[in-house]
Amino acid sequence: MIPIEIPYATTPIRLFMGFACLFIASFIFWWFTPKFVTFLRQFRTVKASIAVAGAFIYAVMFGFALIPSAIFIELVENPKTTLSDAGIFEDATVLHGSTRIGWNEIQKVSCLISRSGRVTSLTIRASDGRKISVGNSGTPVLGPTYDLLHARLGDGIVERCWVPFRQ
């Protein structure tokens, strides 16, 4: 079997989302930093309850800046999911470790398709709870990957694809 590699994001998506994440994180830090410095200068002159409330508010704002930063890190690393004779392997990143699921360990494969009939997401679950999700709508390789999984594992494990939010 020739290994199939599925990237986390295609190059156009990485560029667009990377710039968007950088813009959002930069804006939050640009807005947040002067106010935080002022807060730190006045920290010892305010009541303890005000200091704790202010520290909580600034921690929440810092958390909002971490979300696009984490997404940007994932986009830069662009981990790949590989299907080979050994099974399915997802590369490690800073935010999560690598995952390997052998063909005999797969318990369930679920699939999402768009209204046009294109496979947009695959979720492979192992019997011990490990999970690999592949959801790159920019790559055309998810359709053949679903067909390969269906041919190799059968109807009992690979579920029919469904359209989300369909009435």
N, C-alpha and C. Protein backbone atom coordinates (compact mmCIF):
# COMPACT_ATOMS: atom_id res chain seq x y z
N MET A 1 0.84 -1.19 0.00
CA MET A 1 0.00 0.00 0.00
C MET A 1 0.88 1.25 0.00
N ILE A 2 0.57 2.16 -0.86
CA ILE A 2 1.27 3.44 -0.89
C ILE A 2 0.71 4.31 0.23
N PRO A 3 1.57 4.84 1.12
CA PRO A 3 1.07 5.67 2.23
C PRO A 3 0.34 6.92 1.71
N ILE A 4 -0.74 7.24 2.38
CA ILE A 4 -1.51 8.45 2.06
C ILE A 4 -1.24 9.46 3.18
N GLU A 5 -0.80 10.65 2.81
CA GLU A 5 -0.55 11.71 3.78
C GLU A 5 -1.61 12.79 3.65
N ILE A 6 -2.21 13.14 4.77
CA ILE A 6 -3.24 14.18 4.81
C ILE A 6 -2.73 15.30 5.70
N PRO A 7 -2.47 16.49 5.14
CA PRO A 7 -1.96 17.59 5.97
C PRO A 7 -3.07 18.19 6.82
N TYR A 8 -2.64 18.83 7.91
CA TYR A 8 -3.58 19.53 8.80
C TYR A 8 -4.30 20.63 8.04
N ALA A 9 -3.56 21.36 7.20
CA ALA A 9 -4.16 22.45 6.42
C ALA A 9 -3.37 22.61 5.13
N THR A 10 -4.06 22.99 4.07
CA THR A 10 -3.40 23.26 2.80
C THR A 10 -2.72 24.63 2.87
N THR A 11 -1.84 24.91 1.92
CA THR A 11 -1.08 26.16 1.93
C THR A 11 -1.96 27.41 1.90
N PRO A 12 -2.98 27.50 1.03
CA PRO A 12 -3.82 28.72 1.07
C PRO A 12 -4.52 28.92 2.42
N ILE A 13 -5.00 27.85 2.99
CA ILE A 13 -5.67 27.95 4.29
C ILE A 13 -4.66 28.36 5.37
N ARG A 14 -3.47 27.78 5.32
CA ARG A 14 -2.43 28.13 6.29
C ARG A 14 -2.07 29.60 6.21
N LEU A 15 -1.92 30.12 4.98
CA LEU A 15 -1.57 31.54 4.83
C LEU A 15 -2.68 32.45 5.33
N PHE A 16 -3.91 32.20 4.89
CA PHE A 16 -5.03 33.05 5.28
C PHE A 16 -5.27 33.00 6.79
N MET A 17 -5.37 31.80 7.33
CA MET A 17 -5.65 31.66 8.76
C MET A 17 -4.45 32.10 9.60
N GLY A 18 -3.24 31.88 9.09
CA GLY A 18 -2.05 32.32 9.82
C GLY A 18 -2.03 33.83 10.00
N PHE A 19 -2.31 34.56 8.90
CA PHE A 19 -2.36 36.02 9.00
C PHE A 19 -3.50 36.48 9.90
N ALA A 20 -4.64 35.79 9.82
CA ALA A 20 -5.78 36.17 10.67
C ALA A 20 -5.44 35.94 12.15
N CYS A 21 -4.81 34.82 12.47
CA CYS A 21 -4.44 34.54 13.86
C CYS A 21 -3.42 35.55 14.38
N LEU A 22 -2.43 35.85 13.54
CA LEU A 22 -1.43 36.84 13.94
C LEU A 22 -2.06 38.21 14.17
N PHE A 23 -2.98 38.59 13.30
CA PHE A 23 -3.65 39.89 13.44
C PHE A 23 -4.44 39.95 14.73
N ILE A 24 -5.21 38.92 15.02
CA ILE A 24 -6.04 38.92 16.22
C ILE A 24 -5.17 38.94 17.48
N ALA A 25 -4.15 38.08 17.52
CA ALA A 25 -3.27 38.04 18.70
C ALA A 25 -2.52 39.37 18.85
N SER A 26 -2.05 39.94 17.75
CA SER A 26 -1.34 41.22 17.82
C SER A 26 -2.25 42.33 18.32
N PHE A 27 -3.48 42.35 17.83
CA PHE A 27 -4.44 43.37 18.27
C PHE A 27 -4.72 43.26 19.76
N ILE A 28 -4.93 42.03 20.23
CA ILE A 28 -5.22 41.84 21.66
C ILE A 28 -4.02 42.30 22.50
N PHE A 29 -2.81 41.89 22.10
CA PHE A 29 -1.64 42.30 22.87
C PHE A 29 -1.39 43.81 22.77
N TRP A 30 -1.64 44.40 21.60
CA TRP A 30 -1.47 45.85 21.43
C TRP A 30 -2.43 46.62 22.35
N TRP A 31 -3.66 46.12 22.44
CA TRP A 31 -4.66 46.77 23.28
C TRP A 31 -4.41 46.48 24.76
N PHE A 32 -3.96 45.28 25.06
CA PHE A 32 -3.86 44.76 26.42
C PHE A 32 -2.60 45.25 27.15
N THR A 33 -1.49 45.31 26.48
CA THR A 33 -0.21 45.57 27.15
C THR A 33 -0.14 46.91 27.87
N PRO A 34 -0.52 48.06 27.26
CA PRO A 34 -0.43 49.32 28.01
C PRO A 34 -1.33 49.35 29.25
N LYS A 35 -2.51 48.76 29.13
CA LYS A 35 -3.42 48.72 30.28
C LYS A 35 -2.87 47.81 31.39
N PHE A 36 -2.25 46.73 30.99
CA PHE A 36 -1.67 45.82 31.97
C PHE A 36 -0.48 46.46 32.69
N VAL A 37 0.33 47.19 31.96
CA VAL A 37 1.48 47.88 32.58
C VAL A 37 0.98 48.92 33.58
N THR A 38 -0.06 49.67 33.21
CA THR A 38 -0.65 50.65 34.13
C THR A 38 -1.19 49.94 35.38
N PHE A 39 -1.85 48.80 35.18
CA PHE A 39 -2.38 48.02 36.31
C PHE A 39 -1.25 47.58 37.23
N LEU A 40 -0.14 47.11 36.66
CA LEU A 40 0.98 46.66 37.49
C LEU A 40 1.60 47.80 38.29
N ARG A 41 1.64 48.99 37.70
CA ARG A 41 2.20 50.15 38.42
C ARG A 41 1.33 50.54 39.61
N GLN A 42 0.03 50.35 39.48
CA GLN A 42 -0.90 50.74 40.55
C GLN A 42 -1.27 49.56 41.45
N PHE A 43 -0.68 48.41 41.23
CA PHE A 43 -1.06 47.18 41.92
C PHE A 43 -0.96 47.32 43.45
N ARG A 44 0.09 47.92 43.96
CA ARG A 44 0.29 47.99 45.42
C ARG A 44 -0.54 49.10 46.07
N THR A 45 -1.14 49.97 45.27
CA THR A 45 -1.89 51.09 45.84
C THR A 45 -3.39 50.83 45.92
N VAL A 46 -3.85 49.71 45.43
CA VAL A 46 -5.29 49.41 45.44
C VAL A 46 -5.60 48.35 46.50
N LYS A 47 -6.87 48.20 46.81
CA LYS A 47 -7.31 47.18 47.76
C LYS A 47 -7.03 45.78 47.20
N ALA A 48 -6.93 44.82 48.09
CA ALA A 48 -6.64 43.45 47.69
C ALA A 48 -7.74 42.88 46.78
N SER A 49 -9.01 43.19 47.10
CA SER A 49 -10.10 42.67 46.27
C SER A 49 -10.05 43.23 44.85
N ILE A 50 -9.71 44.51 44.71
CA ILE A 50 -9.59 45.13 43.38
C ILE A 50 -8.40 44.52 42.64
N ALA A 51 -7.30 44.28 43.35
CA ALA A 51 -6.12 43.70 42.73
C ALA A 51 -6.41 42.29 42.22
N VAL A 52 -7.13 41.49 43.01
CA VAL A 52 -7.46 40.12 42.59
C VAL A 52 -8.41 40.15 41.40
N ALA A 53 -9.41 41.02 41.44
CA ALA A 53 -10.36 41.12 40.32
C ALA A 53 -9.63 41.58 39.05
N GLY A 54 -8.75 42.55 39.18
CA GLY A 54 -7.99 43.01 38.02
C GLY A 54 -7.08 41.94 37.47
N ALA A 55 -6.43 41.19 38.35
CA ALA A 55 -5.56 40.10 37.89
C ALA A 55 -6.38 39.04 37.16
N PHE A 56 -7.58 38.76 37.65
CA PHE A 56 -8.45 37.78 36.97
C PHE A 56 -8.85 38.29 35.59
N ILE A 57 -9.23 39.54 35.48
CA ILE A 57 -9.65 40.11 34.19
C ILE A 57 -8.49 40.08 33.19
N TYR A 58 -7.29 40.45 33.64
CA TYR A 58 -6.14 40.43 32.73
C TYR A 58 -5.74 39.00 32.37
N ALA A 59 -5.92 38.06 33.26
CA ALA A 59 -5.65 36.65 32.94
C ALA A 59 -6.61 36.15 31.86
N VAL A 60 -7.88 36.55 31.94
CA VAL A 60 -8.86 36.17 30.92
C VAL A 60 -8.48 36.79 29.57
N MET A 61 -8.09 38.06 29.58
CA MET A 61 -7.69 38.71 28.32
C MET A 61 -6.46 38.04 27.74
N PHE A 62 -5.51 37.67 28.58
CA PHE A 62 -4.32 36.96 28.11
C PHE A 62 -4.71 35.61 27.52
N GLY A 63 -5.69 34.95 28.13
CA GLY A 63 -6.20 33.67 27.60
C GLY A 63 -6.80 33.82 26.22
N PHE A 64 -7.52 34.93 26.00
CA PHE A 64 -8.09 35.16 24.67
C PHE A 64 -7.01 35.36 23.62
N ALA A 65 -5.87 35.87 23.99
CA ALA A 65 -4.76 36.03 23.05
C ALA A 65 -4.06 34.69 22.81
N LEU A 66 -4.14 33.78 23.76
CA LEU A 66 -3.48 32.48 23.58
C LEU A 66 -4.21 31.59 22.57
N ILE A 67 -5.51 31.77 22.42
CA ILE A 67 -6.28 30.92 21.50
C ILE A 67 -5.79 31.09 20.06
N PRO A 68 -5.76 32.31 19.50
CA PRO A 68 -5.24 32.42 18.13
C PRO A 68 -3.76 32.08 18.05
N SER A 69 -3.02 32.29 19.13
CA SER A 69 -1.60 31.92 19.13
C SER A 69 -1.43 30.41 19.01
N ALA A 70 -2.26 29.65 19.72
CA ALA A 70 -2.20 28.19 19.64
C ALA A 70 -2.60 27.70 18.25
N ILE A 71 -3.62 28.30 17.65
CA ILE A 71 -4.02 27.94 16.30
C ILE A 71 -2.89 28.23 15.33
N PHE A 72 -2.23 29.37 15.49
CA PHE A 72 -1.11 29.73 14.62
C PHE A 72 0.02 28.71 14.74
N ILE A 73 0.33 28.26 15.95
CA ILE A 73 1.38 27.26 16.14
C ILE A 73 1.04 25.97 15.42
N GLU A 74 -0.20 25.53 15.51
CA GLU A 74 -0.64 24.32 14.80
C GLU A 74 -0.51 24.50 13.29
N LEU A 75 -0.87 25.69 12.79
CA LEU A 75 -0.77 25.93 11.35
C LEU A 75 0.68 25.93 10.88
N VAL A 76 1.57 26.48 11.68
CA VAL A 76 2.99 26.52 11.30
C VAL A 76 3.57 25.10 11.28
N GLU A 77 3.25 24.31 12.27
CA GLU A 77 3.78 22.94 12.33
C GLU A 77 3.14 22.03 11.29
N ASN A 78 1.88 22.25 10.95
CA ASN A 78 1.14 21.51 9.93
C ASN A 78 1.36 20.00 10.03
N PRO A 79 0.89 19.39 11.13
CA PRO A 79 1.08 17.94 11.28
C PRO A 79 0.32 17.17 10.21
N LYS A 80 0.83 16.01 9.87
CA LYS A 80 0.20 15.18 8.86
C LYS A 80 -0.35 13.92 9.49
N THR A 81 -1.42 13.42 8.90
CA THR A 81 -1.97 12.12 9.27
C THR A 81 -1.61 11.18 8.13
N THR A 82 -1.01 10.04 8.45
CA THR A 82 -0.53 9.11 7.43
C THR A 82 -1.24 7.77 7.59
N LEU A 83 -1.77 7.27 6.47
CA LEU A 83 -2.36 5.93 6.43
C LEU A 83 -1.37 5.04 5.70
N SER A 84 -0.97 3.96 6.35
CA SER A 84 -0.01 3.04 5.74
C SER A 84 -0.40 1.61 6.11
N ASP A 85 0.46 0.66 5.73
CA ASP A 85 0.20 -0.75 6.07
C ASP A 85 0.19 -0.99 7.56
N ALA A 86 0.93 -0.18 8.32
CA ALA A 86 1.01 -0.34 9.78
C ALA A 86 -0.23 0.19 10.49
N GLY A 87 -0.96 1.09 9.86
CA GLY A 87 -2.13 1.68 10.48
C GLY A 87 -2.22 3.17 10.17
N ILE A 88 -2.75 3.92 11.12
CA ILE A 88 -2.95 5.35 10.95
C ILE A 88 -2.11 6.06 12.00
N PHE A 89 -1.35 7.07 11.56
CA PHE A 89 -0.42 7.77 12.43
C PHE A 89 -0.64 9.27 12.28
N GLU A 90 -0.77 9.97 13.42
CA GLU A 90 -0.91 11.42 13.42
C GLU A 90 0.34 12.01 14.06
N ASP A 91 0.99 12.95 13.36
CA ASP A 91 2.21 13.58 13.86
C ASP A 91 1.95 14.35 15.15
N ALA A 92 3.00 14.49 15.94
CA ALA A 92 2.93 15.27 17.18
C ALA A 92 3.15 16.75 16.90
N THR A 93 2.61 17.59 17.75
CA THR A 93 2.85 19.03 17.70
C THR A 93 3.14 19.49 19.13
N VAL A 94 3.32 20.78 19.28
CA VAL A 94 3.56 21.34 20.61
C VAL A 94 2.34 21.13 21.50
N LEU A 95 1.15 21.18 20.92
CA LEU A 95 -0.08 21.13 21.71
C LEU A 95 -0.59 19.72 21.99
N HIS A 96 -0.21 18.73 21.18
CA HIS A 96 -0.65 17.35 21.45
C HIS A 96 0.40 16.37 20.95
N GLY A 97 0.39 15.20 21.54
CA GLY A 97 1.37 14.17 21.18
C GLY A 97 0.93 13.40 19.95
N SER A 98 1.82 12.53 19.47
CA SER A 98 1.49 11.72 18.30
C SER A 98 0.54 10.61 18.71
N THR A 99 -0.22 10.15 17.72
CA THR A 99 -1.18 9.07 17.93
C THR A 99 -1.00 8.04 16.83
N ARG A 100 -0.94 6.78 17.22
CA ARG A 100 -0.84 5.70 16.25
C ARG A 100 -1.94 4.69 16.56
N ILE A 101 -2.71 4.36 15.55
CA ILE A 101 -3.78 3.37 15.70
C ILE A 101 -3.54 2.29 14.63
N GLY A 102 -3.36 1.05 15.07
CA GLY A 102 -3.19 -0.07 14.14
C GLY A 102 -4.53 -0.45 13.52
N TRP A 103 -4.47 -1.11 12.37
CA TRP A 103 -5.71 -1.48 11.66
C TRP A 103 -6.60 -2.37 12.52
N ASN A 104 -6.01 -3.25 13.32
CA ASN A 104 -6.81 -4.15 14.15
C ASN A 104 -7.36 -3.47 15.41
N GLU A 105 -6.93 -2.23 15.70
CA GLU A 105 -7.40 -1.51 16.89
C GLU A 105 -8.57 -0.57 16.59
N ILE A 106 -8.89 -0.37 15.33
CA ILE A 106 -9.94 0.58 14.95
C ILE A 106 -11.30 0.01 15.32
N GLN A 107 -12.06 0.80 16.06
CA GLN A 107 -13.39 0.38 16.50
C GLN A 107 -14.48 1.02 15.66
N LYS A 108 -14.27 2.29 15.27
CA LYS A 108 -15.33 3.02 14.57
C LYS A 108 -14.71 4.12 13.72
N VAL A 109 -15.27 4.33 12.53
CA VAL A 109 -14.87 5.43 11.65
C VAL A 109 -16.14 6.19 11.28
N SER A 110 -16.17 7.48 11.62
CA SER A 110 -17.32 8.30 11.24
C SER A 110 -16.88 9.32 10.20
N CYS A 111 -17.83 9.80 9.44
CA CYS A 111 -17.53 10.62 8.27
C CYS A 111 -18.56 11.72 8.12
N LEU A 112 -18.11 12.89 7.72
CA LEU A 112 -19.01 13.99 7.38
C LEU A 112 -18.79 14.36 5.91
N ILE A 113 -19.87 14.69 5.22
CA ILE A 113 -19.75 15.15 3.84
C ILE A 113 -20.46 16.49 3.70
N SER A 114 -20.04 17.25 2.70
CA SER A 114 -20.70 18.52 2.43
C SER A 114 -21.97 18.26 1.63
N ARG A 115 -22.76 19.27 1.42
CA ARG A 115 -23.99 19.12 0.63
C ARG A 115 -23.69 18.75 -0.81
N SER A 116 -22.49 19.06 -1.28
CA SER A 116 -22.11 18.71 -2.65
C SER A 116 -21.61 17.27 -2.75
N GLY A 117 -21.51 16.57 -1.63
CA GLY A 117 -21.11 15.17 -1.63
C GLY A 117 -19.62 14.94 -1.42
N ARG A 118 -18.87 15.97 -1.07
CA ARG A 118 -17.43 15.85 -0.85
C ARG A 118 -17.15 15.53 0.62
N VAL A 119 -16.30 14.55 0.87
CA VAL A 119 -15.94 14.18 2.24
C VAL A 119 -15.13 15.31 2.86
N THR A 120 -15.59 15.81 4.02
CA THR A 120 -14.92 16.95 4.66
C THR A 120 -14.28 16.58 6.00
N SER A 121 -14.64 15.45 6.58
CA SER A 121 -14.09 15.09 7.89
C SER A 121 -14.18 13.59 8.11
N LEU A 122 -13.11 13.03 8.68
CA LEU A 122 -13.08 11.64 9.09
C LEU A 122 -12.62 11.58 10.53
N THR A 123 -13.27 10.74 11.34
CA THR A 123 -12.85 10.53 12.72
C THR A 123 -12.67 9.04 12.93
N ILE A 124 -11.45 8.66 13.29
CA ILE A 124 -11.11 7.26 13.51
C ILE A 124 -10.93 7.06 15.02
N ARG A 125 -11.70 6.12 15.60
CA ARG A 125 -11.63 5.86 17.04
C ARG A 125 -11.11 4.44 17.27
N ALA A 126 -10.18 4.35 18.24
CA ALA A 126 -9.65 3.04 18.63
C ALA A 126 -10.49 2.48 19.76
N SER A 127 -10.34 1.20 20.00
CA SER A 127 -11.12 0.54 21.06
C SER A 127 -10.73 1.03 22.45
N ASP A 128 -9.51 1.56 22.62
CA ASP A 128 -9.09 2.05 23.93
C ASP A 128 -9.34 3.55 24.12
N GLY A 129 -10.07 4.20 23.20
CA GLY A 129 -10.44 5.60 23.37
C GLY A 129 -9.60 6.59 22.58
N ARG A 130 -8.48 6.16 22.01
CA ARG A 130 -7.68 7.09 21.20
C ARG A 130 -8.47 7.51 19.98
N LYS A 131 -8.20 8.71 19.50
CA LYS A 131 -8.98 9.25 18.39
C LYS A 131 -8.07 10.05 17.47
N ILE A 132 -8.27 9.90 16.17
CA ILE A 132 -7.60 10.73 15.17
C ILE A 132 -8.69 11.36 14.32
N SER A 133 -8.70 12.68 14.27
CA SER A 133 -9.67 13.41 13.46
C SER A 133 -8.95 14.08 12.32
N VAL A 134 -9.47 13.92 11.12
CA VAL A 134 -8.92 14.56 9.94
C VAL A 134 -10.05 15.37 9.33
N GLY A 135 -9.87 16.68 9.25
CA GLY A 135 -10.94 17.53 8.74
C GLY A 135 -10.41 18.67 7.91
N ASN A 136 -9.75 18.36 6.83
CA ASN A 136 -9.18 19.37 5.96
C ASN A 136 -10.03 19.43 4.70
N SER A 137 -10.93 20.39 4.62
CA SER A 137 -11.83 20.47 3.47
C SER A 137 -11.11 20.95 2.22
N GLY A 138 -9.86 21.41 2.35
CA GLY A 138 -9.11 21.90 1.20
C GLY A 138 -8.40 20.81 0.42
N THR A 139 -8.42 19.59 0.90
CA THR A 139 -7.71 18.52 0.20
C THR A 139 -8.70 17.52 -0.39
N PRO A 140 -8.46 17.08 -1.61
CA PRO A 140 -9.37 16.12 -2.24
C PRO A 140 -9.09 14.67 -1.85
N VAL A 141 -8.13 14.42 -0.96
CA VAL A 141 -7.72 13.05 -0.64
C VAL A 141 -8.63 12.38 0.39
N LEU A 142 -9.56 13.11 1.01
CA LEU A 142 -10.41 12.50 2.03
C LEU A 142 -11.41 11.51 1.43
N GLY A 143 -11.88 11.75 0.22
CA GLY A 143 -12.79 10.81 -0.44
C GLY A 143 -12.14 9.46 -0.67
N PRO A 144 -10.97 9.42 -1.33
CA PRO A 144 -10.29 8.13 -1.49
C PRO A 144 -9.87 7.49 -0.16
N THR A 145 -9.57 8.30 0.83
CA THR A 145 -9.23 7.77 2.15
C THR A 145 -10.43 7.06 2.76
N TYR A 146 -11.61 7.67 2.64
CA TYR A 146 -12.83 7.02 3.14
C TYR A 146 -13.06 5.70 2.40
N ASP A 147 -12.88 5.71 1.08
CA ASP A 147 -13.06 4.48 0.30
C ASP A 147 -12.07 3.40 0.74
N LEU A 148 -10.83 3.78 1.00
CA LEU A 148 -9.82 2.82 1.47
C LEU A 148 -10.20 2.25 2.83
N LEU A 149 -10.62 3.11 3.75
CA LEU A 149 -11.04 2.65 5.07
C LEU A 149 -12.24 1.71 4.96
N HIS A 150 -13.19 2.04 4.11
CA HIS A 150 -14.39 1.22 3.92
C HIS A 150 -14.01 -0.14 3.33
N ALA A 151 -13.12 -0.15 2.35
CA ALA A 151 -12.71 -1.41 1.74
C ALA A 151 -11.90 -2.27 2.71
N ARG A 152 -11.10 -1.65 3.52
CA ARG A 152 -10.20 -2.40 4.43
C ARG A 152 -10.93 -2.88 5.69
N LEU A 153 -11.87 -2.06 6.21
CA LEU A 153 -12.50 -2.36 7.49
C LEU A 153 -13.93 -2.88 7.38
N GLY A 154 -14.66 -2.52 6.34
CA GLY A 154 -16.01 -3.01 6.14
C GLY A 154 -17.08 -2.12 6.74
N ASP A 155 -18.35 -2.53 6.50
CA ASP A 155 -19.52 -1.76 6.93
C ASP A 155 -19.71 -1.72 8.43
N GLY A 156 -19.30 -2.73 9.14
CA GLY A 156 -19.52 -2.78 10.59
C GLY A 156 -18.75 -1.72 11.34
N ILE A 157 -17.61 -1.31 10.83
CA ILE A 157 -16.76 -0.33 11.52
C ILE A 157 -16.89 1.05 10.88
N VAL A 158 -16.92 1.10 9.56
CA VAL A 158 -16.99 2.38 8.84
C VAL A 158 -18.45 2.75 8.64
N GLU A 159 -18.86 3.85 9.25
CA GLU A 159 -20.25 4.31 9.14
C GLU A 159 -20.46 5.07 7.83
N ARG A 160 -21.72 5.14 7.41
CA ARG A 160 -22.06 5.95 6.25
C ARG A 160 -21.79 7.41 6.55
N CYS A 161 -21.38 8.15 5.54
CA CYS A 161 -21.16 9.59 5.72
C CYS A 161 -22.51 10.28 5.85
N TRP A 162 -22.52 11.37 6.60
CA TRP A 162 -23.75 12.14 6.76
C TRP A 162 -23.45 13.62 6.66
N VAL A 163 -24.48 14.37 6.30
CA VAL A 163 -24.37 15.82 6.15
C VAL A 163 -24.79 16.47 7.47
N PRO A 164 -23.92 17.28 8.10
CA PRO A 164 -24.31 17.92 9.36
C PRO A 164 -25.38 18.98 9.13
N PHE A 165 -26.24 19.15 10.10
CA PHE A 165 -27.30 20.17 10.11
C PHE A 165 -28.30 19.98 8.97
N ARG A 166 -28.44 18.77 8.46
CA ARG A 166 -29.41 18.52 7.40
C ARG A 166 -30.76 18.21 8.05
N GLN A 167 -31.79 18.77 7.49
CA GLN A 167 -33.12 18.59 8.08
C GLN A 167 -33.92 17.58 7.30
